[in-house]
Amino acid sequence: MSKNPLVNALVASAYITALVSVVFNAPKTTPFENTIMAPIIFLSVFVLSAAVMGFLFVYQPLRLFFENKQQEAVKLFLLTVASFAGITATVVALWLLLSSLL
C-alpha cells in the first residue's frame, strides 16, 4: 500500500466504514436467511476483509523487511497500528460524546 502509516490506517477505516454501511443499509430480510448461503457469504466477507486488512497493514512492512530494512519495517507496522488505534479511539470518543448530548 503506502509507506505512510496514516494513509494505511485511513484506508482501513474507510474500508470498514464502507463495508458496514453496505451491510447496515441492506434489506433486513434477504432470500439468504435460513439457507446455507448466509454462512457462506459471512465467511467469504470475513476472509476478504482479513486479506484486505493484511494487505493494508503488512504488505509494505514485509517489503521493507525483505529489503533488509527491519527497523523501518517494524516502525511502519507499529505506526500504522497506532494510527488505526488513534482513529478508532477518536471515532468511539466522538460517538460517546454525541450520544450523551442527544
N, C-alpha and C. Protein backbone atom coordinates (compact mmCIF):
# COMPACT_ATOMS: atom_id res chain seq x y z
N MET A 1 0.84 -1.17 0.00
CA MET A 1 0.00 0.00 0.00
C MET A 1 0.89 1.24 0.00
N SER A 2 0.97 1.91 1.12
CA SER A 2 1.72 3.15 1.20
C SER A 2 2.76 3.05 2.30
N LYS A 3 3.76 3.89 2.22
CA LYS A 3 4.74 3.94 3.30
C LYS A 3 4.33 4.97 4.35
N ASN A 4 3.15 5.54 4.19
CA ASN A 4 2.61 6.49 5.16
C ASN A 4 1.62 5.75 6.05
N PRO A 5 1.95 5.58 7.35
CA PRO A 5 1.07 4.80 8.22
C PRO A 5 -0.32 5.41 8.38
N LEU A 6 -0.41 6.72 8.34
CA LEU A 6 -1.71 7.37 8.47
C LEU A 6 -2.59 7.07 7.26
N VAL A 7 -2.02 7.07 6.07
CA VAL A 7 -2.78 6.73 4.86
C VAL A 7 -3.30 5.30 4.96
N ASN A 8 -2.45 4.36 5.37
CA ASN A 8 -2.85 2.97 5.51
C ASN A 8 -4.00 2.83 6.51
N ALA A 9 -3.89 3.51 7.64
CA ALA A 9 -4.93 3.44 8.67
C ALA A 9 -6.23 4.08 8.19
N LEU A 10 -6.13 5.19 7.47
CA LEU A 10 -7.33 5.84 6.95
C LEU A 10 -8.03 4.97 5.90
N VAL A 11 -7.25 4.32 5.05
CA VAL A 11 -7.84 3.43 4.04
C VAL A 11 -8.52 2.24 4.73
N ALA A 12 -7.90 1.70 5.77
CA ALA A 12 -8.51 0.60 6.53
C ALA A 12 -9.82 1.06 7.16
N SER A 13 -9.83 2.25 7.74
CA SER A 13 -11.06 2.78 8.34
C SER A 13 -12.12 3.02 7.28
N ALA A 14 -11.73 3.52 6.14
CA ALA A 14 -12.68 3.75 5.05
C ALA A 14 -13.26 2.43 4.55
N TYR A 15 -12.44 1.39 4.44
CA TYR A 15 -12.92 0.08 4.02
C TYR A 15 -13.95 -0.45 5.01
N ILE A 16 -13.64 -0.36 6.30
CA ILE A 16 -14.57 -0.83 7.33
C ILE A 16 -15.87 -0.04 7.27
N THR A 17 -15.77 1.28 7.13
CA THR A 17 -16.96 2.12 7.05
C THR A 17 -17.82 1.75 5.85
N ALA A 18 -17.20 1.54 4.71
CA ALA A 18 -17.94 1.18 3.50
C ALA A 18 -18.61 -0.19 3.66
N LEU A 19 -17.90 -1.15 4.19
CA LEU A 19 -18.45 -2.49 4.37
C LEU A 19 -19.63 -2.47 5.34
N VAL A 20 -19.46 -1.80 6.46
CA VAL A 20 -20.55 -1.73 7.45
C VAL A 20 -21.73 -0.95 6.90
N SER A 21 -21.49 0.08 6.13
CA SER A 21 -22.58 0.84 5.52
C SER A 21 -23.41 -0.02 4.59
N VAL A 22 -22.74 -0.84 3.80
CA VAL A 22 -23.46 -1.73 2.89
C VAL A 22 -24.29 -2.75 3.68
N VAL A 23 -23.68 -3.35 4.70
CA VAL A 23 -24.40 -4.35 5.50
C VAL A 23 -25.55 -3.70 6.26
N PHE A 24 -25.32 -2.54 6.84
CA PHE A 24 -26.34 -1.86 7.64
C PHE A 24 -27.52 -1.42 6.78
N ASN A 25 -27.25 -0.98 5.55
CA ASN A 25 -28.30 -0.48 4.68
C ASN A 25 -28.90 -1.55 3.77
N ALA A 26 -28.44 -2.78 3.90
CA ALA A 26 -29.00 -3.87 3.12
C ALA A 26 -30.41 -4.17 3.63
N PRO A 27 -31.21 -4.77 2.79
CA PRO A 27 -32.55 -5.13 3.26
C PRO A 27 -32.47 -6.01 4.51
N LYS A 28 -33.40 -5.81 5.44
CA LYS A 28 -33.36 -6.57 6.69
C LYS A 28 -33.71 -8.04 6.49
N THR A 29 -34.51 -8.33 5.50
CA THR A 29 -34.79 -9.73 5.17
C THR A 29 -34.23 -9.99 3.78
N THR A 30 -33.52 -11.06 3.66
CA THR A 30 -32.91 -11.40 2.39
C THR A 30 -33.32 -12.81 1.99
N PRO A 31 -33.19 -13.14 0.73
CA PRO A 31 -33.51 -14.51 0.31
C PRO A 31 -32.50 -15.52 0.85
N PHE A 32 -31.42 -15.04 1.51
CA PHE A 32 -30.39 -15.94 2.02
C PHE A 32 -30.63 -16.36 3.47
N GLU A 33 -31.63 -15.75 4.12
CA GLU A 33 -31.90 -16.11 5.52
C GLU A 33 -32.27 -17.58 5.61
N ASN A 34 -31.76 -18.22 6.65
CA ASN A 34 -32.07 -19.63 6.93
C ASN A 34 -31.72 -20.55 5.77
N THR A 35 -30.68 -20.19 5.03
CA THR A 35 -30.18 -21.07 3.98
C THR A 35 -28.68 -21.25 4.19
N ILE A 36 -28.10 -22.12 3.45
CA ILE A 36 -26.66 -22.35 3.55
C ILE A 36 -25.87 -21.14 3.03
N MET A 37 -26.51 -20.28 2.24
CA MET A 37 -25.82 -19.12 1.67
C MET A 37 -25.42 -18.10 2.73
N ALA A 38 -26.18 -17.96 3.80
CA ALA A 38 -25.85 -16.97 4.83
C ALA A 38 -24.46 -17.21 5.42
N PRO A 39 -24.15 -18.41 5.92
CA PRO A 39 -22.79 -18.61 6.45
C PRO A 39 -21.70 -18.55 5.38
N ILE A 40 -22.04 -18.96 4.17
CA ILE A 40 -21.05 -18.89 3.08
C ILE A 40 -20.71 -17.44 2.79
N ILE A 41 -21.71 -16.58 2.70
CA ILE A 41 -21.47 -15.16 2.45
C ILE A 41 -20.72 -14.53 3.62
N PHE A 42 -21.12 -14.85 4.86
CA PHE A 42 -20.45 -14.31 6.04
C PHE A 42 -18.97 -14.67 6.03
N LEU A 43 -18.66 -15.95 5.83
CA LEU A 43 -17.26 -16.37 5.83
C LEU A 43 -16.48 -15.79 4.66
N SER A 44 -17.12 -15.65 3.52
CA SER A 44 -16.44 -15.06 2.36
C SER A 44 -16.07 -13.60 2.62
N VAL A 45 -17.00 -12.85 3.19
CA VAL A 45 -16.71 -11.45 3.51
C VAL A 45 -15.65 -11.36 4.60
N PHE A 46 -15.69 -12.27 5.57
CA PHE A 46 -14.68 -12.29 6.63
C PHE A 46 -13.29 -12.54 6.07
N VAL A 47 -13.16 -13.53 5.17
CA VAL A 47 -11.86 -13.84 4.57
C VAL A 47 -11.38 -12.69 3.69
N LEU A 48 -12.29 -12.11 2.92
CA LEU A 48 -11.93 -10.96 2.09
C LEU A 48 -11.43 -9.81 2.97
N SER A 49 -12.12 -9.56 4.07
CA SER A 49 -11.70 -8.48 4.97
C SER A 49 -10.34 -8.76 5.60
N ALA A 50 -10.09 -10.00 5.97
CA ALA A 50 -8.78 -10.36 6.52
C ALA A 50 -7.68 -10.13 5.49
N ALA A 51 -7.96 -10.46 4.24
CA ALA A 51 -6.97 -10.25 3.17
C ALA A 51 -6.72 -8.76 2.94
N VAL A 52 -7.79 -7.96 2.91
CA VAL A 52 -7.64 -6.52 2.71
C VAL A 52 -6.86 -5.90 3.86
N MET A 53 -7.22 -6.25 5.09
CA MET A 53 -6.51 -5.69 6.25
C MET A 53 -5.06 -6.16 6.28
N GLY A 54 -4.83 -7.41 5.93
CA GLY A 54 -3.45 -7.90 5.86
C GLY A 54 -2.63 -7.12 4.85
N PHE A 55 -3.23 -6.85 3.70
CA PHE A 55 -2.53 -6.06 2.69
C PHE A 55 -2.24 -4.65 3.20
N LEU A 56 -3.24 -4.01 3.81
CA LEU A 56 -3.07 -2.63 4.26
C LEU A 56 -2.05 -2.50 5.39
N PHE A 57 -2.01 -3.49 6.27
CA PHE A 57 -1.15 -3.38 7.45
C PHE A 57 0.22 -4.06 7.28
N VAL A 58 0.31 -5.07 6.42
CA VAL A 58 1.52 -5.91 6.41
C VAL A 58 2.33 -5.83 5.13
N TYR A 59 1.72 -5.50 4.00
CA TYR A 59 2.43 -5.56 2.72
C TYR A 59 3.71 -4.73 2.70
N GLN A 60 3.60 -3.44 2.96
CA GLN A 60 4.79 -2.57 2.91
C GLN A 60 5.82 -2.95 3.98
N PRO A 61 5.41 -3.23 5.23
CA PRO A 61 6.42 -3.67 6.20
C PRO A 61 7.16 -4.93 5.76
N LEU A 62 6.45 -5.88 5.16
CA LEU A 62 7.14 -7.08 4.68
C LEU A 62 8.12 -6.77 3.55
N ARG A 63 7.71 -5.89 2.65
CA ARG A 63 8.63 -5.49 1.58
C ARG A 63 9.89 -4.87 2.17
N LEU A 64 9.71 -3.97 3.13
CA LEU A 64 10.87 -3.35 3.77
C LEU A 64 11.72 -4.38 4.50
N PHE A 65 11.06 -5.31 5.17
CA PHE A 65 11.78 -6.35 5.92
C PHE A 65 12.66 -7.17 4.98
N PHE A 66 12.10 -7.55 3.82
CA PHE A 66 12.87 -8.36 2.88
C PHE A 66 13.91 -7.55 2.12
N GLU A 67 13.85 -6.23 2.20
CA GLU A 67 14.88 -5.36 1.64
C GLU A 67 15.95 -5.04 2.69
N ASN A 68 15.96 -5.81 3.77
CA ASN A 68 16.90 -5.65 4.89
C ASN A 68 16.76 -4.30 5.58
N LYS A 69 15.54 -3.82 5.68
CA LYS A 69 15.24 -2.59 6.41
C LYS A 69 14.30 -2.95 7.56
N GLN A 70 14.79 -3.84 8.45
CA GLN A 70 13.97 -4.39 9.50
C GLN A 70 13.44 -3.33 10.47
N GLN A 71 14.28 -2.40 10.88
CA GLN A 71 13.83 -1.37 11.82
C GLN A 71 12.76 -0.48 11.20
N GLU A 72 12.95 -0.12 9.94
CA GLU A 72 11.95 0.69 9.24
C GLU A 72 10.64 -0.09 9.08
N ALA A 73 10.75 -1.40 8.83
CA ALA A 73 9.56 -2.24 8.68
C ALA A 73 8.76 -2.31 9.97
N VAL A 74 9.44 -2.53 11.08
CA VAL A 74 8.76 -2.60 12.37
C VAL A 74 8.15 -1.25 12.71
N LYS A 75 8.88 -0.18 12.46
CA LYS A 75 8.37 1.16 12.75
C LYS A 75 7.11 1.46 11.93
N LEU A 76 7.12 1.13 10.64
CA LEU A 76 5.96 1.37 9.79
C LEU A 76 4.76 0.57 10.27
N PHE A 77 4.97 -0.70 10.59
CA PHE A 77 3.87 -1.54 11.06
C PHE A 77 3.29 -0.98 12.36
N LEU A 78 4.15 -0.68 13.32
CA LEU A 78 3.66 -0.18 14.62
C LEU A 78 2.99 1.19 14.49
N LEU A 79 3.52 2.05 13.63
CA LEU A 79 2.88 3.36 13.43
C LEU A 79 1.53 3.21 12.73
N THR A 80 1.42 2.25 11.82
CA THR A 80 0.13 2.01 11.16
C THR A 80 -0.89 1.52 12.18
N VAL A 81 -0.50 0.58 13.02
CA VAL A 81 -1.40 0.06 14.05
C VAL A 81 -1.77 1.18 15.03
N ALA A 82 -0.80 1.98 15.43
CA ALA A 82 -1.07 3.09 16.35
C ALA A 82 -2.00 4.13 15.71
N SER A 83 -1.79 4.42 14.44
CA SER A 83 -2.66 5.36 13.73
C SER A 83 -4.09 4.83 13.67
N PHE A 84 -4.22 3.55 13.36
CA PHE A 84 -5.55 2.94 13.30
C PHE A 84 -6.20 2.95 14.68
N ALA A 85 -5.44 2.67 15.71
CA ALA A 85 -5.97 2.72 17.08
C ALA A 85 -6.41 4.14 17.42
N GLY A 86 -5.63 5.13 17.01
CA GLY A 86 -6.00 6.53 17.26
C GLY A 86 -7.28 6.93 16.54
N ILE A 87 -7.41 6.51 15.30
CA ILE A 87 -8.63 6.80 14.53
C ILE A 87 -9.83 6.13 15.21
N THR A 88 -9.65 4.87 15.59
CA THR A 88 -10.73 4.13 16.24
C THR A 88 -11.12 4.78 17.57
N ALA A 89 -10.14 5.15 18.37
CA ALA A 89 -10.42 5.81 19.65
C ALA A 89 -11.13 7.15 19.44
N THR A 90 -10.73 7.88 18.43
CA THR A 90 -11.37 9.17 18.14
C THR A 90 -12.83 8.97 17.73
N VAL A 91 -13.08 7.99 16.88
CA VAL A 91 -14.46 7.72 16.45
C VAL A 91 -15.31 7.29 17.63
N VAL A 92 -14.79 6.42 18.48
CA VAL A 92 -15.54 5.97 19.66
C VAL A 92 -15.80 7.14 20.61
N ALA A 93 -14.79 7.97 20.84
CA ALA A 93 -14.96 9.12 21.73
C ALA A 93 -16.00 10.10 21.19
N LEU A 94 -15.95 10.37 19.89
CA LEU A 94 -16.95 11.25 19.28
C LEU A 94 -18.35 10.67 19.38
N TRP A 95 -18.47 9.37 19.15
CA TRP A 95 -19.77 8.71 19.24
C TRP A 95 -20.31 8.79 20.66
N LEU A 96 -19.46 8.53 21.65
CA LEU A 96 -19.89 8.62 23.05
C LEU A 96 -20.30 10.04 23.41
N LEU A 97 -19.53 11.01 22.95
CA LEU A 97 -19.83 12.40 23.23
C LEU A 97 -21.17 12.80 22.60
N LEU A 98 -21.34 12.47 21.34
CA LEU A 98 -22.57 12.83 20.64
C LEU A 98 -23.78 12.09 21.20
N SER A 99 -23.61 10.83 21.58
CA SER A 99 -24.75 10.09 22.12
C SER A 99 -25.15 10.60 23.49
N SER A 100 -24.20 11.15 24.25
CA SER A 100 -24.55 11.70 25.57
C SER A 100 -25.25 13.06 25.43
N LEU A 101 -25.04 13.74 24.32
CA LEU A 101 -25.68 15.03 24.11
C LEU A 101 -27.12 14.88 23.62
N LEU A 102 -27.43 13.74 23.03
CA LEU A 102 -28.76 13.55 22.47
C LEU A 102 -29.71 13.00 23.46
